[in-house]
N, C-alpha and C. Protein backbone atom coordinates (compact mmCIF):
# COMPACT_ATOMS: atom_id res chain seq x y z
N MET A 1 82.90 72.15 113.96
CA MET A 1 84.15 71.66 112.30
C MET A 1 84.09 72.02 111.65
N PRO A 2 85.31 72.52 110.83
CA PRO A 2 85.21 72.73 109.68
C PRO A 2 84.41 72.87 108.68
N ARG A 3 84.17 73.69 107.67
CA ARG A 3 83.38 73.57 107.01
C ARG A 3 83.83 73.72 105.56
N VAL A 4 83.85 73.33 103.85
CA VAL A 4 84.14 72.99 102.99
C VAL A 4 82.89 73.10 102.40
N VAL A 5 82.94 74.73 101.11
CA VAL A 5 81.93 74.64 100.44
C VAL A 5 82.43 74.49 98.71
N VAL A 6 81.09 73.62 98.24
CA VAL A 6 82.03 73.24 96.88
C VAL A 6 80.78 74.20 96.34
N ASP A 7 80.60 74.84 95.25
CA ASP A 7 80.00 75.63 94.03
C ASP A 7 80.08 75.36 93.26
N VAL A 8 78.95 74.63 92.80
CA VAL A 8 78.98 74.23 91.14
C VAL A 8 78.45 75.01 90.24
N MET A 9 78.14 75.07 89.39
CA MET A 9 77.40 76.43 88.00
C MET A 9 77.76 75.81 86.93
N PRO A 10 77.34 75.87 86.00
CA PRO A 10 77.04 75.31 84.73
C PRO A 10 77.54 76.30 84.00
N LYS A 11 79.12 75.74 83.17
CA LYS A 11 80.00 76.71 82.27
C LYS A 11 79.29 77.75 81.50
N PRO A 12 79.63 78.82 80.95
CA PRO A 12 78.97 80.17 80.59
C PRO A 12 78.30 79.31 79.67
N GLU A 13 78.93 78.81 78.90
CA GLU A 13 78.22 78.51 76.80
C GLU A 13 77.22 77.65 77.12
N ILE A 14 76.91 76.89 78.11
CA ILE A 14 76.35 75.93 78.51
C ILE A 14 74.29 76.15 79.06
N LEU A 15 73.46 75.83 78.21
CA LEU A 15 72.52 76.83 78.40
C LEU A 15 71.95 76.28 79.67
N ASP A 16 71.09 77.30 80.33
CA ASP A 16 70.80 76.97 81.68
C ASP A 16 69.22 77.68 81.80
N PRO A 17 68.55 76.46 81.58
CA PRO A 17 66.76 76.18 81.40
C PRO A 17 65.93 76.33 82.61
N GLN A 18 66.88 76.00 84.25
CA GLN A 18 66.20 76.14 85.47
C GLN A 18 66.10 78.60 85.13
N GLY A 19 67.07 78.52 85.04
CA GLY A 19 67.92 79.84 85.27
C GLY A 19 67.28 80.84 84.61
N LYS A 20 66.74 80.19 83.05
CA LYS A 20 65.60 80.69 81.78
C LYS A 20 64.56 81.05 83.14
N ALA A 21 64.16 80.33 83.66
CA ALA A 21 62.28 79.62 84.44
C ALA A 21 62.67 80.60 85.13
N VAL A 22 63.64 81.23 85.84
CA VAL A 22 63.30 81.78 87.18
C VAL A 22 63.69 83.32 86.55
N LEU A 23 64.39 83.59 85.68
CA LEU A 23 64.28 84.82 84.78
C LEU A 23 62.62 85.14 84.58
N GLY A 24 62.20 84.59 84.02
CA GLY A 24 61.01 84.48 83.24
C GLY A 24 59.68 85.14 84.20
N ALA A 25 60.35 84.19 85.80
CA ALA A 25 59.13 83.86 86.91
C ALA A 25 59.11 85.31 87.68
N LEU A 26 60.16 86.29 88.20
CA LEU A 26 60.70 87.15 88.47
C LEU A 26 59.48 88.21 88.16
N PRO A 27 59.76 89.45 86.87
CA PRO A 27 58.39 90.27 86.81
C PRO A 27 57.30 89.79 86.92
N ARG A 28 57.27 88.71 86.71
CA ARG A 28 55.95 88.22 86.66
C ARG A 28 55.06 88.31 87.88
N LEU A 29 56.37 88.01 89.33
CA LEU A 29 56.29 88.87 90.62
C LEU A 29 56.59 89.79 90.97
N GLY A 30 57.05 90.59 90.03
CA GLY A 30 56.84 91.99 90.84
C GLY A 30 58.25 91.90 90.62
N PHE A 31 59.87 91.42 90.24
CA PHE A 31 60.87 91.48 90.76
C PHE A 31 61.38 92.24 89.55
N THR A 32 62.12 93.63 89.66
CA THR A 32 62.72 94.34 88.30
C THR A 32 63.90 93.81 88.61
N GLY A 33 64.52 94.46 87.27
CA GLY A 33 65.98 95.43 87.70
C GLY A 33 67.24 93.70 87.55
N VAL A 34 66.48 92.25 87.24
CA VAL A 34 67.84 91.72 87.24
C VAL A 34 67.76 91.18 85.75
N SER A 35 68.98 90.87 84.90
CA SER A 35 69.22 90.98 83.74
C SER A 35 69.32 89.46 83.62
N ASP A 36 69.94 88.60 84.06
CA ASP A 36 70.26 86.77 83.96
C ASP A 36 70.15 86.49 85.11
N VAL A 37 69.83 84.93 85.43
CA VAL A 37 70.30 83.76 86.33
C VAL A 37 70.20 83.01 86.55
N ARG A 38 71.36 82.55 86.57
CA ARG A 38 72.16 80.99 86.61
C ARG A 38 71.97 80.28 87.94
N GLN A 39 71.59 78.97 87.37
CA GLN A 39 71.29 77.93 88.71
C GLN A 39 72.06 77.18 89.05
N GLY A 40 72.48 77.05 89.54
CA GLY A 40 73.99 76.25 89.97
C GLY A 40 73.90 75.33 91.78
N LYS A 41 74.48 74.73 91.94
CA LYS A 41 74.74 73.82 93.62
C LYS A 41 75.70 74.31 94.40
N ARG A 42 75.86 74.18 95.69
CA ARG A 42 75.93 74.06 97.19
C ARG A 42 76.04 72.95 97.37
N PHE A 43 77.50 72.60 98.05
CA PHE A 43 77.65 71.83 98.54
C PHE A 43 78.52 71.58 99.97
N GLU A 44 77.89 71.44 101.28
CA GLU A 44 78.93 72.18 101.98
C GLU A 44 79.47 70.70 102.71
N LEU A 45 80.22 70.53 102.69
CA LEU A 45 81.10 69.48 103.78
C LEU A 45 81.47 69.75 105.34
N GLU A 46 81.43 68.89 105.90
CA GLU A 46 81.87 69.27 107.17
C GLU A 46 83.25 68.69 107.74
N VAL A 47 83.85 68.63 107.69
CA VAL A 47 85.21 67.67 107.86
C VAL A 47 86.22 67.77 109.00
N ASP A 48 86.89 66.09 109.11
CA ASP A 48 87.21 66.02 110.24
C ASP A 48 88.61 66.76 110.68
N GLY A 49 89.12 67.24 111.58
CA GLY A 49 90.25 67.59 111.84
C GLY A 49 90.38 69.16 111.59
N GLU A 50 91.72 69.55 110.93
CA GLU A 50 91.82 70.92 110.09
C GLU A 50 91.89 70.83 108.47
N VAL A 51 91.76 71.95 108.08
CA VAL A 51 91.72 71.96 107.03
C VAL A 51 93.28 72.17 105.99
N THR A 52 93.36 71.07 105.56
CA THR A 52 94.68 71.22 104.93
C THR A 52 94.95 71.42 103.36
N GLU A 53 95.71 71.60 103.40
CA GLU A 53 96.16 71.55 101.47
C GLU A 53 95.88 69.91 100.61
N GLU A 54 96.01 69.18 101.80
CA GLU A 54 95.80 67.75 101.22
C GLU A 54 94.19 67.84 101.41
N VAL A 55 93.70 68.49 102.48
CA VAL A 55 92.04 68.22 102.37
C VAL A 55 91.85 68.63 101.77
N LEU A 56 91.64 70.30 100.86
CA LEU A 56 91.42 70.74 99.55
C LEU A 56 91.93 69.74 98.47
N ASP A 57 93.08 69.45 98.40
CA ASP A 57 92.77 68.21 97.50
C ASP A 57 92.12 67.60 97.26
N ARG A 58 91.50 66.77 98.39
CA ARG A 58 90.63 65.63 98.25
C ARG A 58 89.31 66.34 97.76
N VAL A 59 89.17 66.75 98.49
CA VAL A 59 87.31 67.74 98.04
C VAL A 59 87.09 68.27 96.63
N ARG A 60 89.04 68.54 96.23
CA ARG A 60 88.40 69.08 94.62
C ARG A 60 88.18 67.59 94.15
N ASP A 61 89.21 66.27 94.19
CA ASP A 61 89.03 65.41 93.67
C ASP A 61 87.67 64.78 93.96
N MET A 62 86.82 65.01 94.07
CA MET A 62 85.43 64.74 95.09
C MET A 62 84.13 65.82 94.64
N ALA A 63 85.34 66.98 94.20
CA ALA A 63 83.77 67.44 93.14
C ALA A 63 84.13 67.35 92.06
N GLU A 64 85.25 67.02 91.44
CA GLU A 64 85.22 66.66 90.32
C GLU A 64 85.10 65.70 89.61
N THR A 65 84.38 64.58 90.66
CA THR A 65 84.82 62.55 90.02
C THR A 65 82.66 62.57 90.71
N LEU A 66 82.31 63.11 91.78
CA LEU A 66 80.84 63.09 91.71
C LEU A 66 80.33 64.54 92.09
N LEU A 67 80.86 65.82 92.55
CA LEU A 67 80.14 66.63 92.74
C LEU A 67 79.46 67.40 91.77
N SER A 68 80.38 67.54 90.80
CA SER A 68 80.33 68.17 89.43
C SER A 68 80.07 67.04 87.90
N ASN A 69 79.33 67.64 87.06
CA ASN A 69 80.23 67.26 85.76
C ASN A 69 81.01 67.80 84.73
N PRO A 70 82.25 67.50 84.84
CA PRO A 70 83.11 68.51 84.04
C PRO A 70 83.20 69.30 82.92
N VAL A 71 82.51 67.96 82.78
CA VAL A 71 81.74 68.66 80.92
C VAL A 71 81.20 69.83 80.58
N ILE A 72 80.41 69.88 81.15
CA ILE A 72 79.13 71.17 81.46
C ILE A 72 79.31 72.12 82.96
N GLU A 73 79.75 71.94 83.66
CA GLU A 73 80.22 72.30 84.77
C GLU A 73 81.70 73.20 85.43
N ASN A 74 81.55 73.72 85.59
CA ASN A 74 82.70 74.47 86.54
C ASN A 74 82.38 74.45 88.29
N TYR A 75 83.47 74.52 88.98
CA TYR A 75 83.00 74.85 90.35
C TYR A 75 84.39 75.06 91.55
N THR A 76 83.93 75.60 92.37
CA THR A 76 85.04 76.49 92.95
C THR A 76 85.42 75.20 94.45
N VAL A 77 86.05 75.52 95.51
CA VAL A 77 86.21 75.04 96.66
C VAL A 77 86.89 76.10 97.48
N HIS A 78 86.45 76.73 98.89
CA HIS A 78 86.32 77.51 99.83
C HIS A 78 86.05 76.84 100.52
N VAL A 79 86.87 77.26 101.68
CA VAL A 79 86.42 77.22 103.05
C VAL A 79 86.10 77.58 104.06
N GLU A 80 84.64 78.00 104.24
CA GLU A 80 84.20 78.93 105.45
C GLU A 80 83.97 78.86 106.55
N GLN A 81 84.52 79.95 106.94
CA GLN A 81 84.22 80.45 108.14
C GLN A 81 83.57 80.45 109.09
N ALA A 82 83.88 79.62 109.97
CA ALA A 82 82.61 79.51 111.27
C ALA A 82 82.04 81.10 111.88
N ALA A 83 80.95 80.67 112.01
CA ALA A 83 80.15 81.60 112.70
C ALA A 83 80.37 81.71 113.58
N SER A 84 80.73 83.01 114.22
CA SER A 84 81.29 83.41 115.92
C SER A 84 80.00 82.68 116.97
N GLN A 85 79.92 82.57 117.76
CA GLN A 85 79.10 82.71 118.82
C GLN A 85 78.89 83.42 119.69
N ALA A 86 77.73 84.08 120.02
CA ALA A 86 77.22 85.37 120.88
C ALA A 86 77.00 84.51 122.01
C-alpha cells in the first residue's frame, strides 16, 4: 500500500521547550557538535489505491484540520517510496 507522510514541526518563531531539553541533554550524554534541536511529529498514512493529487489534497486537509495546529505548526506532505524487497 502506498504511504503518505505528514511531518509537523513548530513554526520557527515558536519556542520549543522539548527541543531545548534534548539539546541540553546531548552534551551530558557525551554527544557534541549539535547547535539546535527542534522536535516535531511524523504521521505515516497508508492509503488505499493510487496516490493522486486528489488524495494528497485530502491528506493536506487532514493535516490542516487534525494532525497539526496551523497557528503554531507547519507541516509538509510527501509520498514515501516503498522499500524494495530482497
